[in-house]
Structure formats: C-alpha cells, structure tokens
Amino acid sequence: MSARPVWALVLAMDQLRMTRECLTSVLALDPPADHVLLVDNASKDGTAEAVRQEFPSVEVLRLETNLYFAGGVNQGFRRALERGAGSVLLLNNDVVLERTALGTLVRALEEDPRRAAISPGSITTILPT
C-alpha cells in the first residue's frame, strides 16, 4: 500500500502567527507533502484570508462555524480522502516540523502494511479494526 499522495492537514482557529510558522515548516518538508490543506475553524482574525494571500500553494477550507477539533479534522479528512489522499499528516497549527519529518513518517507507514496510523513520538503500529 502506498502512502502517496500525502496530504498535510493543518487545523487552525485564529493564531495567525503560529499558523504562518507551521505552514512555513510544512512547505519546507523534504520530501514535500503532495498537497497542503488548512482547515480554518471559523477564525475571526483573518487567518484564512492571510493564508490565501501569503501561501498560494495552500488550499484553504474555511468553516463558517467552529466545529472544534473533531469536526474540523473530519471536514479536512473528508476533503483529502475525496480527492485521493493515500495518507494524511494531521497537525495543529502550533506544530513546527523538522525538515525530514515527513520522510521518516512515510517510510514507517510503508514498511509495514499492517500500519493504519503512525505517530511521530514513536513509530507505533495501530491495526485497523
């Protein structure tokens, strides 16, 4: 099973400064994500608009109401899977990644076909039910 294409899904609500830092690190990944999606959980500080202007390669899904963590993540996963994502890197907007993080995670996912999810803290196998 291939993890590609890999989508990076960033969930944000306000906190534009942190969102910029997170997206900058995501866009610097080597290897890169195949697609980057920001799910804006009804920000009131102009996060969605600023990201559209400053990061034109990032797709922005702006939610009109705050669906909280689970609701925002579900909307992002739905979009990614409908568009053919092989895997999704899920991030809160307060995360800054090391440049090689995605390569490490994708290799771990592809090394064992039983893995349905992995975590950067330790490469853990989560078996599908």
C-alpha atoms as a PDB file:
ATOM      1  CA  MET A   1       0.000   0.000   0.000  1.00  0.00           C
ATOM      2  CA  SER A   2       1.383   3.412  -0.907  1.00  0.00           C
ATOM      3  CA  ALA A   3       1.141   6.343   1.449  1.00  0.00           C
ATOM      4  CA  ARG A   4       1.197   8.651  -1.583  1.00  0.00           C
ATOM      5  CA  PRO A   5      -0.237  11.072  -2.267  1.00  0.00           C
ATOM      6  CA  VAL A   6       0.393  12.567   1.176  1.00  0.00           C
ATOM      7  CA  TRP A   7      -1.770  15.444   2.288  1.00  0.00           C
ATOM      8  CA  ALA A   8      -0.694  17.713   5.142  1.00  0.00           C
ATOM      9  CA  LEU A   9      -3.807  18.847   7.003  1.00  0.00           C
ATOM     10  CA  VAL A  10      -3.367  21.786   9.380  1.00  0.00           C
ATOM     11  CA  LEU A  11      -6.209  22.735  11.705  1.00  0.00           C
ATOM     12  CA  ALA A  12      -6.312  26.362  12.838  1.00  0.00           C
ATOM     13  CA  MET A  13      -8.547  28.798  14.637  1.00  0.00           C
ATOM     14  CA  ASP A  14      -7.121  32.301  14.853  1.00  0.00           C
ATOM     15  CA  GLN A  15      -3.443  32.365  15.923  1.00  0.00           C
ATOM     16  CA  LEU A  16      -2.175  33.639  12.570  1.00  0.00           C
ATOM     17  CA  ARG A  17       1.458  33.945  13.734  1.00  0.00           C
ATOM     18  CA  MET A  18       1.602  30.284  14.782  1.00  0.00           C
ATOM     19  CA  THR A  19      -0.223  29.220  11.629  1.00  0.00           C
ATOM     20  CA  ARG A  20       2.385  31.013   9.495  1.00  0.00           C
ATOM     21  CA  GLU A  21       5.224  29.246  11.329  1.00  0.00           C
ATOM     22  CA  CYS A  22       3.525  25.872  10.973  1.00  0.00           C
ATOM     23  CA  LEU A  23       2.829  26.299   7.257  1.00  0.00           C
ATOM     24  CA  THR A  24       6.352  27.548   6.602  1.00  0.00           C
ATOM     25  CA  SER A  25       7.727  24.337   8.145  1.00  0.00           C
ATOM     26  CA  VAL A  26       5.235  22.166   6.224  1.00  0.00           C
ATOM     27  CA  LEU A  27       6.154  23.783   2.917  1.00  0.00           C
ATOM     28  CA  ALA A  28       9.870  23.218   3.636  1.00  0.00           C
ATOM     29  CA  LEU A  29       9.495  19.442   4.147  1.00  0.00           C
ATOM     30  CA  ASP A  30      11.902  17.227   2.224  1.00  0.00           C
ATOM     31  CA  PRO A  31      10.344  15.215   0.713  1.00  0.00           C
ATOM     32  CA  PRO A  32       7.378  17.565   0.408  1.00  0.00           C
ATOM     33  CA  ALA A  33       3.734  16.824   1.051  1.00  0.00           C
ATOM     34  CA  ASP A  34       1.810  16.351  -2.181  1.00  0.00           C
ATOM     35  CA  HIS A  35      -0.911  18.737  -1.035  1.00  0.00           C
ATOM     36  CA  VAL A  36      -1.324  21.105   1.910  1.00  0.00           C
ATOM     37  CA  LEU A  37      -4.781  21.884   3.297  1.00  0.00           C
ATOM     38  CA  LEU A  38      -5.522  24.422   6.019  1.00  0.00           C
ATOM     39  CA  VAL A  39      -8.857  23.886   7.733  1.00  0.00           C
ATOM     40  CA  ASP A  40      -9.782  27.242   9.236  1.00  0.00           C
ATOM     41  CA  ASN A  41     -12.200  26.676  12.093  1.00  0.00           C
ATOM     42  CA  ALA A  42     -14.106  29.991  11.764  1.00  0.00           C
ATOM     43  CA  SER A  43     -11.181  32.265  12.624  1.00  0.00           C
ATOM     44  CA  LYS A  44     -12.073  35.853  13.390  1.00  0.00           C
ATOM     45  CA  ASP A  45      -8.547  37.272  12.969  1.00  0.00           C
ATOM     46  CA  GLY A  46      -8.277  36.967   9.179  1.00  0.00           C
ATOM     47  CA  THR A  47      -6.238  33.739   9.227  1.00  0.00           C
ATOM     48  CA  ALA A  48      -7.948  32.235   6.160  1.00  0.00           C
ATOM     49  CA  GLU A  49      -7.556  35.381   4.077  1.00  0.00           C
ATOM     50  CA  ALA A  50      -3.921  35.908   5.100  1.00  0.00           C
ATOM     51  CA  VAL A  51      -3.011  32.298   4.323  1.00  0.00           C
ATOM     52  CA  ARG A  52      -4.640  32.547   0.889  1.00  0.00           C
ATOM     53  CA  GLN A  53      -2.514  35.625   0.128  1.00  0.00           C
ATOM     54  CA  GLU A  54       0.771  34.564   1.728  1.00  0.00           C
ATOM     55  CA  PHE A  55       0.735  30.842   0.872  1.00  0.00           C
ATOM     56  CA  PRO A  56      -0.910  30.485  -2.552  1.00  0.00           C
ATOM     57  CA  SER A  57       0.007  26.793  -2.806  1.00  0.00           C
ATOM     58  CA  VAL A  58      -2.000  26.003   0.339  1.00  0.00           C
ATOM     59  CA  GLU A  59      -5.642  25.105  -0.106  1.00  0.00           C
ATOM     60  CA  VAL A  60      -7.837  26.801   2.491  1.00  0.00           C
ATOM     61  CA  LEU A  61     -11.085  25.241   3.669  1.00  0.00           C
ATOM     62  CA  ARG A  62     -12.775  27.949   5.732  1.00  0.00           C
ATOM     63  CA  LEU A  63     -15.524  26.726   8.018  1.00  0.00           C
ATOM     64  CA  GLU A  64     -18.232  29.259   8.784  1.00  0.00           C
ATOM     65  CA  THR A  65     -18.746  27.936  12.311  1.00  0.00           C
ATOM     66  CA  ASN A  66     -16.258  26.489  14.767  1.00  0.00           C
ATOM     67  CA  LEU A  67     -16.668  22.729  14.595  1.00  0.00           C
ATOM     68  CA  TYR A  68     -13.985  22.276  17.263  1.00  0.00           C
ATOM     69  CA  PHE A  69     -11.152  19.802  16.866  1.00  0.00           C
ATOM     70  CA  ALA A  70     -13.056  16.683  15.817  1.00  0.00           C
ATOM     71  CA  GLY A  71     -15.407  18.492  13.464  1.00  0.00           C
ATOM     72  CA  GLY A  72     -12.617  20.430  11.776  1.00  0.00           C
ATOM     73  CA  VAL A  73     -10.473  17.327  11.389  1.00  0.00           C
ATOM     74  CA  ASN A  74     -13.418  15.388   9.956  1.00  0.00           C
ATOM     75  CA  GLN A  75     -14.012  18.093   7.339  1.00  0.00           C
ATOM     76  CA  GLY A  76     -10.339  18.042   6.383  1.00  0.00           C
ATOM     77  CA  PHE A  77     -10.123  14.253   6.200  1.00  0.00           C
ATOM     78  CA  ARG A  78     -13.295  14.150   4.114  1.00  0.00           C
ATOM     79  CA  ARG A  79     -11.800  16.626   1.623  1.00  0.00           C
ATOM     80  CA  ALA A  80      -8.463  14.766   1.472  1.00  0.00           C
ATOM     81  CA  LEU A  81      -9.985  11.324   1.004  1.00  0.00           C
ATOM     82  CA  GLU A  82     -12.491  12.525  -1.602  1.00  0.00           C
ATOM     83  CA  ARG A  83      -9.548  13.906  -3.570  1.00  0.00           C
ATOM     84  CA  GLY A  84      -7.499  10.711  -3.425  1.00  0.00           C
ATOM     85  CA  ALA A  85      -5.149  11.123  -0.464  1.00  0.00           C
ATOM     86  CA  GLY A  86      -3.188   7.966   0.300  1.00  0.00           C
ATOM     87  CA  SER A  87      -2.350   9.284   3.764  1.00  0.00           C
ATOM     88  CA  VAL A  88      -2.858  12.412   5.833  1.00  0.00           C
ATOM     89  CA  LEU A  89      -0.371  14.177   8.080  1.00  0.00           C
ATOM     90  CA  LEU A  90      -2.574  15.779  10.742  1.00  0.00           C
ATOM     91  CA  LEU A  91      -1.200  18.851  12.519  1.00  0.00           C
ATOM     92  CA  ASN A  92      -2.417  21.512  14.876  1.00  0.00           C
ATOM     93  CA  ASN A  93      -1.234  24.966  13.851  1.00  0.00           C
ATOM     94  CA  ASP A  94       1.166  25.173  16.806  1.00  0.00           C
ATOM     95  CA  VAL A  95       3.454  22.459  15.371  1.00  0.00           C
ATOM     96  CA  VAL A  96       6.728  23.245  13.628  1.00  0.00           C
ATOM     97  CA  LEU A  97       8.203  20.235  11.834  1.00  0.00           C
ATOM     98  CA  GLU A  98      11.794  19.276  11.205  1.00  0.00           C
ATOM     99  CA  ARG A  99      12.562  19.202   7.509  1.00  0.00           C
ATOM    100  CA  THR A 100      12.892  15.379   7.367  1.00  0.00           C
ATOM    101  CA  ALA A 101       9.826  14.542   9.471  1.00  0.00           C
ATOM    102  CA  LEU A 102       7.515  13.559   6.639  1.00  0.00           C
ATOM    103  CA  GLY A 103      10.016  11.208   5.015  1.00  0.00           C
ATOM    104  CA  THR A 104      10.513   9.386   8.304  1.00  0.00           C
ATOM    105  CA  LEU A 105       6.776   9.004   8.857  1.00  0.00           C
ATOM    106  CA  VAL A 106       6.013   7.872   5.291  1.00  0.00           C
ATOM    107  CA  ARG A 107       8.795   5.264   5.383  1.00  0.00           C
ATOM    108  CA  ALA A 108       7.449   3.890   8.666  1.00  0.00           C
ATOM    109  CA  LEU A 109       3.929   3.717   7.246  1.00  0.00           C
ATOM    110  CA  GLU A 110       5.022   1.946   4.073  1.00  0.00           C
ATOM    111  CA  GLU A 111       7.404  -0.510   5.799  1.00  0.00           C
ATOM    112  CA  ASP A 112       4.585  -2.428   7.457  1.00  0.00           C
ATOM    113  CA  PRO A 113       1.287  -2.859   5.580  1.00  0.00           C
ATOM    114  CA  ARG A 114      -0.477  -3.589   8.886  1.00  0.00           C
ATOM    115  CA  ARG A 115       0.054   0.012   9.979  1.00  0.00           C
ATOM    116  CA  ALA A 116      -3.042   2.126   9.639  1.00  0.00           C
ATOM    117  CA  ALA A 117      -1.646   5.119  11.550  1.00  0.00           C
ATOM    118  CA  ILE A 118       1.656   6.291  12.918  1.00  0.00           C
ATOM    119  CA  SER A 119       2.730   8.847  15.470  1.00  0.00           C
ATOM    120  CA  PRO A 120       5.967  10.840  15.430  1.00  0.00           C
ATOM    121  CA  GLY A 121       6.587  10.210  19.144  1.00  0.00           C
ATOM    122  CA  SER A 122       7.368   6.594  18.422  1.00  0.00           C
ATOM    123  CA  ILE A 123       6.640   4.527  15.366  1.00  0.00           C
ATOM    124  CA  THR A 124       3.639   2.642  16.641  1.00  0.00           C
ATOM    125  CA  THR A 125       1.507   0.146  14.774  1.00  0.00           C
ATOM    126  CA  ILE A 126      -2.227   0.755  15.009  1.00  0.00           C
ATOM    127  CA  LEU A 127      -4.079  -2.124  13.429  1.00  0.00           C
ATOM    128  CA  PRO A 128      -7.349  -1.412  11.617  1.00  0.00           C
ATOM    129  CA  THR A 129     -10.432  -2.949  13.202  1.00  0.00           C
END
